Amino acid sequence: MSELSVRIFSQYLIQGVWAIILALLFLYTFRIYKRHYLKLWAWSWLAFSMYMLTSGLHLYSTWIYSIYNPIRISLSAITISFAYIEASLLLIGTWELVKNRKFASAHLRLILIISILLAIASSVLFIDNSQISENRFFIRVGLRSLIMGAAFFITGIWMITNLSHDKSLGKRLLIIAFIIYGSEQFNYFLVGFLPIINVHIKFPYIQYLGLLDFFLEALIGMGMAIWLLENERKELERANDDLDHFFYSTSHDLRSPLASITGLVTLGKVHIKDEYALEFFEKIEGRVDKLDSVIDDIISYAKSAKYQLKIEPLNFKEIVKEIETNLEFNKGATHIDFICETNEEFFLSDKIKITTILHNLITNSIKYHDFHKSNPYIKVSLVKDQGRVYITVEDNGRGIKPENHQKIFDMFYRASGDSVGSGLGLYIVKEAAIKLNGKVSVHSTYGKGSCFKVSLPALAG
């Protein structure tokens, strides 16, 4: 057993283990994303691992069996079969990803059958003549390398022509790896072909091709993984765009009939004097207002999720005053004493996010206030301390039951049956705080009042 044979055997083993890892990776991603090309890629890497491992076994068999031994012939056929199957599955999977459609199952089966038959034919040709080993080597190795090299090289060129508009990293890596791998296979073809035509050339770099094989396999695997992630990211962006379009079109479609209902209710309240009818009109108007509020909150959340932060100096008292003015006509707002306190008037943050947080918290304090108390108040404060900014909205309203303290920040959660909101307000507050790298907490005693505290990092100017 020569040192070169041991080195080649080790390379087969390492590449086989690496291919098994890639096969398991793509099987896992197939179970998550349910993309058929991922299944083909997984099976291709599994076939490649078997190609490497059976190549190692075939190399070992050459040390102990003659060329006529059935075990050696069988291993040769199995090895070449796995090589053709691996290349076929890998390239067909890539075709499915590029074309975004499934390859015909009947055609796939036909290609696999041809691969196996070609492998068997390559293994038995010239088996009865031990004197023409060069011909046998060319049929088993050179011809296989030519077919695989041409397949990978042509696929790489085809991908360039079909994806010239696509500049994603994963596709570029895969194209480069396919073209280099295809070109490298031509070396093996020349090693087997030139002696047949009596041209004897030494290839000093041939012993390093195994390392190049491993590098290119890693590059192909990395390109496939990156391409998958980029493709899924684009699908997610497309889904988000569709969802945004749904939000805005739905809001428009719903608002038109709501406006018509509101107009009809207003006309009815003017011209109909029956007390029972007016009571029903009031209930209809209340439900329409509530539905309109829900639509507003959903659109607000959709915009907030895609909004890019703009950090700038903010005047806390001006923002609070502006919100107070906007809410002064809300039911009960004129009976509440608004208090604004701060130890530092200016701070750095995003105005839209801070306004969203304060608007929702103050609106909730007005909605759920206890007007039976003698001095209803809402106190809004800002404190800078130890590198943090603390915004607090405190009231002496109804308070929140302890079992609801954590649930109130969930989407569409309402703490009581008489809640008049959409259940999105505090969820939007939480998401806005997270967007600012902060958090929101609540301390509340049922029947006495609530205190919401938003903690944010103090940004340096």
Protein backbone atom coordinates (compact mmCIF):
# COMPACT_ATOMS: atom_id res chain seq x y z
CA MET A 1 0.00 0.00 0.00
CA SER A 2 1.69 3.21 -1.17
CA GLU A 3 1.66 6.54 0.64
CA LEU A 4 -0.34 8.07 -2.25
CA SER A 5 -2.99 5.33 -1.96
CA VAL A 6 -3.36 5.96 1.77
CA ARG A 7 -3.70 9.70 1.13
CA ILE A 8 -6.39 9.14 -1.54
CA PHE A 9 -8.23 6.70 0.74
CA SER A 10 -8.24 9.33 3.53
CA GLN A 11 -9.55 11.98 1.15
CA TYR A 12 -12.41 9.69 0.12
CA LEU A 13 -13.33 9.14 3.75
CA ILE A 14 -13.23 12.85 4.68
CA GLN A 15 -15.28 13.88 1.64
CA GLY A 16 -17.81 11.13 2.35
CA VAL A 17 -18.34 12.33 5.94
CA TRP A 18 -18.64 15.95 4.78
CA ALA A 19 -21.25 14.95 2.19
CA ILE A 20 -23.30 13.12 4.85
CA ILE A 21 -23.34 16.31 6.95
CA LEU A 22 -24.58 18.32 3.97
CA ALA A 23 -27.22 15.67 3.19
CA LEU A 24 -28.58 15.87 6.75
CA LEU A 25 -28.56 19.67 6.57
CA PHE A 26 -30.64 19.76 3.39
CA LEU A 27 -33.00 17.05 4.63
CA TYR A 28 -33.61 19.22 7.68
CA THR A 29 -34.26 22.33 5.57
CA PHE A 30 -36.56 20.30 3.31
CA ARG A 31 -38.67 19.33 6.34
CA ILE A 32 -38.96 23.02 7.26
CA TYR A 33 -39.47 24.70 3.86
CA LYS A 34 -41.06 21.81 1.90
CA ARG A 35 -39.19 22.73 -1.30
CA HIS A 36 -38.73 19.76 -3.65
CA TYR A 37 -35.32 20.93 -4.87
CA LEU A 38 -34.04 20.69 -1.29
CA LYS A 39 -35.03 17.04 -1.24
CA LEU A 40 -33.13 16.44 -4.49
CA TRP A 41 -30.11 18.30 -3.12
CA ALA A 42 -30.20 16.21 0.06
CA TRP A 43 -30.33 12.95 -1.92
CA SER A 44 -27.57 14.19 -4.22
CA TRP A 45 -25.24 14.75 -1.26
CA LEU A 46 -26.19 11.38 0.15
CA ALA A 47 -25.37 9.81 -3.23
CA PHE A 48 -22.07 11.72 -3.26
CA SER A 49 -21.20 10.41 0.21
CA MET A 50 -21.84 6.86 -1.02
CA TYR A 51 -19.77 7.63 -4.11
CA MET A 52 -16.82 8.64 -1.93
CA LEU A 53 -17.17 5.78 0.54
CA THR A 54 -17.59 3.11 -2.15
CA SER A 55 -14.61 4.65 -3.99
CA GLY A 56 -12.59 4.04 -0.85
CA LEU A 57 -13.82 0.45 -0.70
CA HIS A 58 -13.05 -0.03 -4.39
CA LEU A 59 -9.54 1.33 -3.86
CA TYR A 60 -9.09 -1.12 -1.00
CA SER A 61 -10.38 -3.97 -3.19
CA THR A 62 -7.67 -3.27 -5.77
CA TRP A 63 -5.08 -4.21 -3.16
CA ILE A 64 -6.57 -7.64 -2.44
CA TYR A 65 -8.65 -8.70 -5.49
CA SER A 66 -7.88 -9.19 -9.17
CA ILE A 67 -9.69 -7.22 -11.87
CA TYR A 68 -11.89 -10.26 -12.62
CA ASN A 69 -13.18 -10.58 -9.05
CA PRO A 70 -16.98 -10.05 -8.86
CA ILE A 71 -16.65 -7.96 -5.68
CA ARG A 72 -14.27 -5.54 -7.37
CA ILE A 73 -16.45 -5.33 -10.50
CA SER A 74 -19.59 -4.77 -8.40
CA LEU A 75 -17.91 -2.03 -6.35
CA SER A 76 -16.79 -0.34 -9.56
CA ALA A 77 -20.37 -0.37 -10.93
CA ILE A 78 -21.84 0.89 -7.65
CA THR A 79 -19.24 3.66 -7.37
CA ILE A 80 -19.81 4.95 -10.89
CA SER A 81 -23.61 4.70 -10.43
CA PHE A 82 -23.51 6.89 -7.34
CA ALA A 83 -21.32 9.42 -9.20
CA TYR A 84 -23.83 9.76 -12.04
CA ILE A 85 -26.82 9.80 -9.67
CA GLU A 86 -25.23 12.50 -7.50
CA ALA A 87 -24.54 14.75 -10.49
CA SER A 88 -28.02 14.19 -11.93
CA LEU A 89 -29.88 14.98 -8.69
CA LEU A 90 -27.73 18.03 -7.92
CA LEU A 91 -28.19 19.56 -11.37
CA ILE A 92 -31.91 18.75 -11.58
CA GLY A 93 -32.46 20.30 -8.13
CA THR A 94 -30.65 23.43 -9.31
CA TRP A 95 -32.84 23.48 -12.44
CA GLU A 96 -35.97 23.34 -10.23
CA LEU A 97 -34.76 26.29 -8.17
CA VAL A 98 -33.90 28.40 -11.23
CA LYS A 99 -37.13 27.57 -13.09
CA ASN A 100 -39.26 27.56 -9.93
CA ARG A 101 -41.09 24.39 -10.96
CA LYS A 102 -40.82 20.67 -10.32
CA PHE A 103 -38.92 18.43 -12.74
CA ALA A 104 -41.06 15.70 -14.31
CA SER A 105 -40.86 12.54 -12.18
CA ALA A 106 -40.90 10.26 -15.24
CA HIS A 107 -37.94 12.11 -16.75
CA LEU A 108 -36.08 11.96 -13.44
CA ARG A 109 -36.54 8.19 -13.21
CA LEU A 110 -35.38 7.78 -16.82
CA ILE A 111 -32.20 9.78 -16.15
CA LEU A 112 -31.42 7.70 -13.05
CA ILE A 113 -31.96 4.43 -14.95
CA ILE A 114 -29.66 5.61 -17.77
CA SER A 115 -27.05 6.59 -15.15
CA ILE A 116 -27.09 3.11 -13.62
CA LEU A 117 -26.97 1.34 -17.00
CA LEU A 118 -24.09 3.55 -18.13
CA ALA A 119 -22.23 2.77 -14.91
CA ILE A 120 -22.72 -0.98 -15.33
CA ALA A 121 -21.54 -0.82 -18.95
CA SER A 122 -18.46 1.17 -17.93
CA SER A 123 -17.57 -1.45 -15.31
CA VAL A 124 -17.72 -4.53 -17.57
CA LEU A 125 -16.18 -3.16 -20.78
CA PHE A 126 -12.66 -4.51 -21.46
CA ILE A 127 -12.92 -6.70 -18.35
CA ASP A 128 -11.86 -9.75 -20.37
CA ASN A 129 -8.57 -8.21 -21.49
CA SER A 130 -6.12 -7.29 -18.77
CA GLN A 131 -3.62 -5.99 -21.34
CA ILE A 132 -5.60 -2.87 -22.22
CA SER A 133 -5.82 -1.35 -18.75
CA GLU A 134 -5.52 2.13 -20.24
CA ASN A 135 -8.75 1.65 -22.19
CA ARG A 136 -10.45 0.28 -19.10
CA PHE A 137 -9.26 3.26 -17.00
CA PHE A 138 -10.50 5.68 -19.65
CA ILE A 139 -13.97 4.07 -19.78
CA ARG A 140 -14.34 3.94 -16.00
CA VAL A 141 -12.70 7.22 -15.01
CA GLY A 142 -12.03 9.36 -18.09
CA LEU A 143 -15.45 9.01 -19.70
CA ARG A 144 -17.22 9.51 -16.38
CA SER A 145 -15.17 12.65 -15.72
CA LEU A 146 -15.96 13.96 -19.21
CA ILE A 147 -19.71 13.48 -18.74
CA MET A 148 -19.77 14.96 -15.25
CA GLY A 149 -17.43 17.81 -16.18
CA ALA A 150 -19.51 18.75 -19.20
CA ALA A 151 -22.72 18.57 -17.15
CA PHE A 152 -21.41 20.88 -14.41
CA PHE A 153 -19.69 23.26 -16.83
CA ILE A 154 -22.73 23.60 -19.12
CA THR A 155 -25.04 24.03 -16.09
CA GLY A 156 -22.82 26.84 -14.80
CA ILE A 157 -22.93 28.63 -18.17
CA TRP A 158 -26.70 28.04 -18.40
CA MET A 159 -27.17 29.57 -14.94
CA ILE A 160 -25.20 32.65 -16.03
CA THR A 161 -27.48 33.19 -19.04
CA ASN A 162 -30.67 32.57 -17.04
CA LEU A 163 -29.67 34.54 -13.96
CA SER A 164 -27.80 37.47 -15.49
CA HIS A 165 -30.18 39.88 -13.71
CA ASP A 166 -29.70 38.18 -10.33
CA LYS A 167 -26.69 39.36 -8.32
CA SER A 168 -27.22 37.28 -5.17
CA LEU A 169 -24.13 35.81 -3.50
CA GLY A 170 -25.37 32.22 -3.26
CA LYS A 171 -26.02 31.91 -7.00
CA ARG A 172 -22.67 33.47 -7.84
CA LEU A 173 -20.84 31.01 -5.58
CA LEU A 174 -22.71 28.06 -7.09
CA ILE A 175 -22.01 29.21 -10.66
CA ILE A 176 -18.30 29.65 -9.93
CA ALA A 177 -18.11 26.27 -8.17
CA PHE A 178 -19.95 24.48 -11.00
CA ILE A 179 -17.69 25.93 -13.72
CA ILE A 180 -14.45 25.26 -11.80
CA TYR A 181 -15.59 21.75 -10.80
CA GLY A 182 -16.57 21.00 -14.39
CA SER A 183 -13.21 22.27 -15.66
CA GLU A 184 -11.37 20.23 -13.03
CA GLN A 185 -13.13 17.04 -14.17
CA PHE A 186 -11.65 17.57 -17.63
CA ASN A 187 -8.23 16.98 -16.04
CA TYR A 188 -9.25 13.46 -15.07
CA PHE A 189 -10.53 12.97 -18.61
CA LEU A 190 -7.20 14.02 -20.09
CA VAL A 191 -5.30 11.75 -17.68
CA GLY A 192 -7.28 8.79 -19.08
CA PHE A 193 -7.51 9.89 -22.71
CA LEU A 194 -3.97 10.98 -23.61
CA PRO A 195 -2.30 7.56 -23.03
CA ILE A 196 -4.79 5.98 -25.47
CA ILE A 197 -3.46 8.18 -28.29
CA ASN A 198 0.12 7.55 -27.14
CA VAL A 199 0.62 10.97 -25.61
CA HIS A 200 2.33 10.65 -22.24
CA ILE A 201 2.34 13.79 -20.14
CA LYS A 202 2.95 13.98 -16.43
CA PHE A 203 0.50 16.08 -14.43
CA PRO A 204 2.51 17.23 -11.38
CA TYR A 205 -0.55 18.76 -9.74
CA ILE A 206 -2.74 15.63 -10.03
CA GLN A 207 -2.05 14.65 -6.39
CA TYR A 208 -3.57 17.93 -5.21
CA LEU A 209 -6.85 17.55 -7.10
CA GLY A 210 -8.38 15.70 -4.15
CA LEU A 211 -7.92 18.80 -1.99
CA LEU A 212 -9.39 20.94 -4.75
CA ASP A 213 -12.35 18.53 -4.92
CA PHE A 214 -13.00 18.99 -1.22
CA PHE A 215 -12.74 22.78 -1.49
CA LEU A 216 -15.18 22.88 -4.40
CA GLU A 217 -17.63 20.57 -2.61
CA ALA A 218 -17.56 22.92 0.37
CA LEU A 219 -18.07 25.88 -1.98
CA ILE A 220 -21.02 24.17 -3.68
CA GLY A 221 -22.60 23.34 -0.32
CA MET A 222 -22.11 26.89 0.95
CA GLY A 223 -23.51 28.34 -2.27
CA MET A 224 -26.57 26.10 -2.04
CA ALA A 225 -27.20 27.09 1.59
CA ILE A 226 -26.78 30.82 0.93
CA TRP A 227 -28.99 30.61 -2.17
CA LEU A 228 -31.68 28.91 -0.09
CA LEU A 229 -31.58 31.66 2.56
CA GLU A 230 -31.63 34.41 -0.05
CA ASN A 231 -34.51 32.76 -1.88
CA GLU A 232 -36.54 32.38 1.33
CA ARG A 233 -35.80 36.00 2.26
CA LYS A 234 -37.19 37.16 -1.08
CA GLU A 235 -40.28 34.98 -0.57
CA LEU A 236 -40.74 36.53 2.87
CA GLU A 237 -40.37 40.06 1.48
CA ARG A 238 -42.91 39.24 -1.22
CA ALA A 239 -45.32 37.89 1.42
CA ASN A 240 -44.84 41.02 3.54
CA ASP A 241 -45.56 43.24 0.54
CA ASP A 242 -48.72 41.25 -0.18
CA LEU A 243 -49.75 41.59 3.46
CA ASP A 244 -49.20 45.36 3.37
CA HIS A 245 -51.29 45.61 0.23
CA PHE A 246 -53.98 43.54 1.94
CA PHE A 247 -53.97 45.86 4.97
CA TYR A 248 -54.36 49.03 2.95
CA SER A 249 -56.87 47.69 0.44
CA THR A 250 -58.94 46.12 3.22
CA SER A 251 -58.94 49.34 5.23
CA HIS A 252 -60.13 51.27 2.17
CA ASP A 253 -62.80 48.68 1.34
CA LEU A 254 -64.07 48.65 4.92
CA ARG A 255 -63.94 52.40 5.50
CA SER A 256 -66.19 53.25 2.56
CA PRO A 257 -69.24 51.35 3.90
CA LEU A 258 -68.44 52.49 7.45
CA ALA A 259 -68.55 56.12 6.32
CA SER A 260 -71.89 55.44 4.59
CA ILE A 261 -73.29 53.84 7.75
CA THR A 262 -72.12 56.80 9.86
CA GLY A 263 -73.76 59.23 7.45
CA LEU A 264 -77.04 57.30 7.50
CA VAL A 265 -76.98 57.13 11.30
CA THR A 266 -76.43 60.90 11.51
CA LEU A 267 -79.37 61.54 9.17
CA GLY A 268 -81.50 59.13 11.16
CA LYS A 269 -80.73 60.91 14.45
CA VAL A 270 -81.78 64.23 12.91
CA HIS A 271 -85.07 63.12 11.36
CA ILE A 272 -86.26 60.37 13.75
CA LYS A 273 -87.40 61.40 17.21
CA ASP A 274 -88.43 58.01 18.62
CA GLU A 275 -86.38 57.36 21.77
CA TYR A 276 -86.01 53.61 21.18
CA ALA A 277 -84.85 54.20 17.60
CA LEU A 278 -82.35 56.84 18.76
CA GLU A 279 -80.98 54.39 21.31
CA PHE A 280 -80.35 51.87 18.55
CA PHE A 281 -78.71 54.56 16.42
CA GLU A 282 -76.36 55.35 19.31
CA LYS A 283 -75.37 51.67 19.60
CA ILE A 284 -74.81 51.38 15.85
CA GLU A 285 -72.67 54.51 15.90
CA GLY A 286 -70.63 53.14 18.81
CA ARG A 287 -69.97 49.83 17.04
CA VAL A 288 -68.97 51.64 13.83
CA ASP A 289 -66.55 53.85 15.78
CA LYS A 290 -65.08 50.77 17.45
CA LEU A 291 -64.55 48.98 14.13
CA ASP A 292 -62.97 52.13 12.69
CA SER A 293 -60.64 52.23 15.70
CA VAL A 294 -59.63 48.60 15.13
CA ILE A 295 -58.82 49.37 11.48
CA ASP A 296 -56.74 52.38 12.58
CA ASP A 297 -54.77 50.24 15.05
CA ILE A 298 -54.10 47.49 12.49
CA ILE A 299 -52.83 50.00 9.92
CA SER A 300 -50.78 51.74 12.60
CA TYR A 301 -49.13 48.46 13.54
CA ALA A 302 -48.47 47.56 9.88
CA LYS A 303 -46.77 50.91 9.29
CA SER A 304 -44.86 50.69 12.57
CA ALA A 305 -43.43 47.26 11.75
CA LYS A 306 -41.80 48.54 8.52
CA TYR A 307 -40.83 51.98 9.83
CA GLN A 308 -37.14 52.96 9.84
CA LEU A 309 -36.02 54.84 12.94
CA LYS A 310 -35.00 58.49 12.71
CA ILE A 311 -33.10 59.55 15.81
CA GLU A 312 -33.32 63.28 16.59
CA PRO A 313 -33.52 65.68 19.58
CA LEU A 314 -37.02 65.68 21.08
CA ASN A 315 -38.80 68.07 23.42
CA PHE A 316 -40.68 65.83 25.84
CA LYS A 317 -43.10 68.48 27.13
CA GLU A 318 -44.03 69.55 23.60
CA ILE A 319 -44.84 65.97 22.58
CA VAL A 320 -47.00 65.42 25.69
CA LYS A 321 -48.78 68.75 25.14
CA GLU A 322 -49.48 67.88 21.51
CA ILE A 323 -50.98 64.50 22.50
CA GLU A 324 -53.04 66.13 25.25
CA THR A 325 -54.46 68.61 22.73
CA ASN A 326 -55.31 65.82 20.26
CA LEU A 327 -57.13 63.86 22.97
CA GLU A 328 -58.95 66.72 24.70
CA PHE A 329 -62.25 65.82 23.02
CA ASN A 330 -62.09 62.15 24.03
CA LYS A 331 -64.87 61.14 26.38
CA GLY A 332 -64.00 62.19 29.95
CA ALA A 333 -60.69 63.88 29.04
CA THR A 334 -61.81 67.33 30.26
CA HIS A 335 -62.43 65.92 33.76
CA ILE A 336 -58.88 64.62 34.15
CA ASP A 337 -55.94 66.61 35.49
CA PHE A 338 -52.90 66.18 33.18
CA ILE A 339 -49.50 66.48 34.86
CA CYS A 340 -46.15 66.50 33.01
CA GLU A 341 -42.88 66.22 34.92
CA THR A 342 -39.28 65.81 33.71
CA ASN A 343 -35.78 66.29 35.07
CA GLU A 344 -34.48 66.96 31.55
CA GLU A 345 -36.70 68.41 28.84
CA PHE A 346 -34.72 67.25 25.77
CA PHE A 347 -33.60 63.73 24.84
CA LEU A 348 -32.60 61.79 21.70
CA SER A 349 -35.00 59.25 20.20
CA ASP A 350 -37.44 58.63 17.35
CA LYS A 351 -40.37 61.05 17.47
CA ILE A 352 -42.94 58.80 15.80
CA LYS A 353 -42.17 55.85 18.11
CA ILE A 354 -42.19 57.99 21.27
CA THR A 355 -45.43 59.67 20.18
CA THR A 356 -46.97 56.24 19.46
CA ILE A 357 -46.00 54.98 22.92
CA LEU A 358 -47.30 58.05 24.77
CA HIS A 359 -50.46 58.36 22.66
CA ASN A 360 -51.52 54.76 23.31
CA LEU A 361 -50.72 54.84 27.04
CA ILE A 362 -52.47 58.16 27.61
CA THR A 363 -55.46 57.08 25.52
CA ASN A 364 -55.81 53.94 27.65
CA SER A 365 -55.58 55.99 30.84
CA ILE A 366 -58.48 58.18 29.63
CA LYS A 367 -60.58 55.20 28.49
CA TYR A 368 -60.27 53.28 31.74
CA HIS A 369 -60.31 56.10 34.26
CA ASP A 370 -62.47 56.09 37.38
CA PHE A 371 -64.54 59.26 37.33
CA HIS A 372 -66.08 58.44 40.71
CA LYS A 373 -62.81 59.56 42.32
CA SER A 374 -62.57 63.15 43.46
CA ASN A 375 -59.29 64.03 41.73
CA PRO A 376 -58.74 61.93 38.59
CA TYR A 377 -55.29 62.53 37.13
CA ILE A 378 -52.79 61.28 34.56
CA LYS A 379 -49.14 61.99 35.33
CA VAL A 380 -46.60 61.69 32.51
CA SER A 381 -42.93 61.92 33.44
CA LEU A 382 -39.47 61.52 31.95
CA VAL A 383 -36.36 60.78 34.00
CA LYS A 384 -32.78 60.34 32.79
CA ASP A 385 -30.73 58.16 35.11
CA GLN A 386 -27.54 56.07 34.72
CA GLY A 387 -27.59 55.90 30.95
CA ARG A 388 -31.31 55.15 30.68
CA VAL A 389 -34.42 57.17 29.87
CA TYR A 390 -37.54 56.26 31.87
CA ILE A 391 -40.93 57.39 30.56
CA THR A 392 -43.78 56.85 33.01
CA VAL A 393 -47.53 57.19 32.52
CA GLU A 394 -49.37 56.94 35.84
CA ASP A 395 -53.07 57.28 36.66
CA ASN A 396 -55.50 56.66 39.49
CA GLY A 397 -58.05 54.91 37.30
CA ARG A 398 -59.61 51.47 37.53
CA GLY A 399 -56.37 49.50 37.66
CA ILE A 400 -55.67 46.06 36.24
CA LYS A 401 -56.20 42.69 37.89
CA PRO A 402 -52.91 40.89 38.75
CA GLU A 403 -53.66 37.88 36.48
CA ASN A 404 -53.82 40.23 33.47
CA HIS A 405 -50.54 42.10 34.02
CA GLN A 406 -48.52 40.06 31.52
CA LYS A 407 -51.35 39.26 29.09
CA ILE A 408 -52.27 42.89 28.37
CA PHE A 409 -49.24 43.24 26.07
CA ASP A 410 -50.42 40.37 23.85
CA MET A 411 -51.99 41.08 20.47
CA PHE A 412 -55.80 41.53 20.58
CA TYR A 413 -55.96 40.80 24.32
CA ARG A 414 -58.57 42.70 26.30
CA ALA A 415 -58.54 42.50 30.07
CA SER A 416 -62.31 42.74 30.60
CA GLY A 417 -65.57 42.28 28.77
CA ASP A 418 -66.33 46.01 28.83
CA SER A 419 -63.03 46.94 27.16
CA VAL A 420 -63.69 49.36 24.32
CA GLY A 421 -60.37 49.10 22.51
CA SER A 422 -59.12 46.78 19.79
CA GLY A 423 -56.65 44.97 22.02
CA LEU A 424 -53.74 46.26 19.92
CA GLY A 425 -52.77 49.43 21.78
CA LEU A 426 -50.43 47.96 24.40
CA TYR A 427 -49.06 45.44 21.92
CA ILE A 428 -48.08 48.37 19.68
CA VAL A 429 -46.48 50.06 22.71
CA LYS A 430 -44.42 46.94 23.47
CA GLU A 431 -43.28 46.58 19.83
CA ALA A 432 -42.35 50.28 19.63
CA ALA A 433 -40.29 49.98 22.82
CA ILE A 434 -38.51 46.89 21.46
CA LYS A 435 -37.79 48.76 18.22
CA LEU A 436 -36.04 51.40 20.35
CA ASN A 437 -34.04 48.68 22.18
CA GLY A 438 -36.16 49.22 25.27
CA LYS A 439 -38.91 47.50 27.23
CA VAL A 440 -42.22 48.34 28.91
CA SER A 441 -43.51 47.17 32.27
CA VAL A 442 -46.63 47.75 34.35
CA HIS A 443 -47.37 48.09 38.04
CA SER A 444 -51.06 48.20 38.85
CA THR A 445 -53.38 47.75 41.81
CA TYR A 446 -56.93 46.89 40.87
CA GLY A 447 -59.26 49.68 41.95
CA LYS A 448 -56.44 52.16 42.66
CA GLY A 449 -54.67 52.83 39.38
CA SER A 450 -51.85 51.85 37.01
CA CYS A 451 -48.29 52.89 36.25
CA PHE A 452 -46.66 52.00 32.92
CA LYS A 453 -42.90 52.48 32.70
CA VAL A 454 -40.97 52.47 29.43
CA SER A 455 -37.19 52.01 29.80
CA LEU A 456 -35.01 53.13 26.87
CA PRO A 457 -31.27 53.55 26.35
CA ALA A 458 -30.13 57.18 26.70
CA LEU A 459 -28.56 58.02 23.33
CA ALA A 460 -25.59 60.38 23.17
CA GLY A 461 -25.87 63.44 20.93
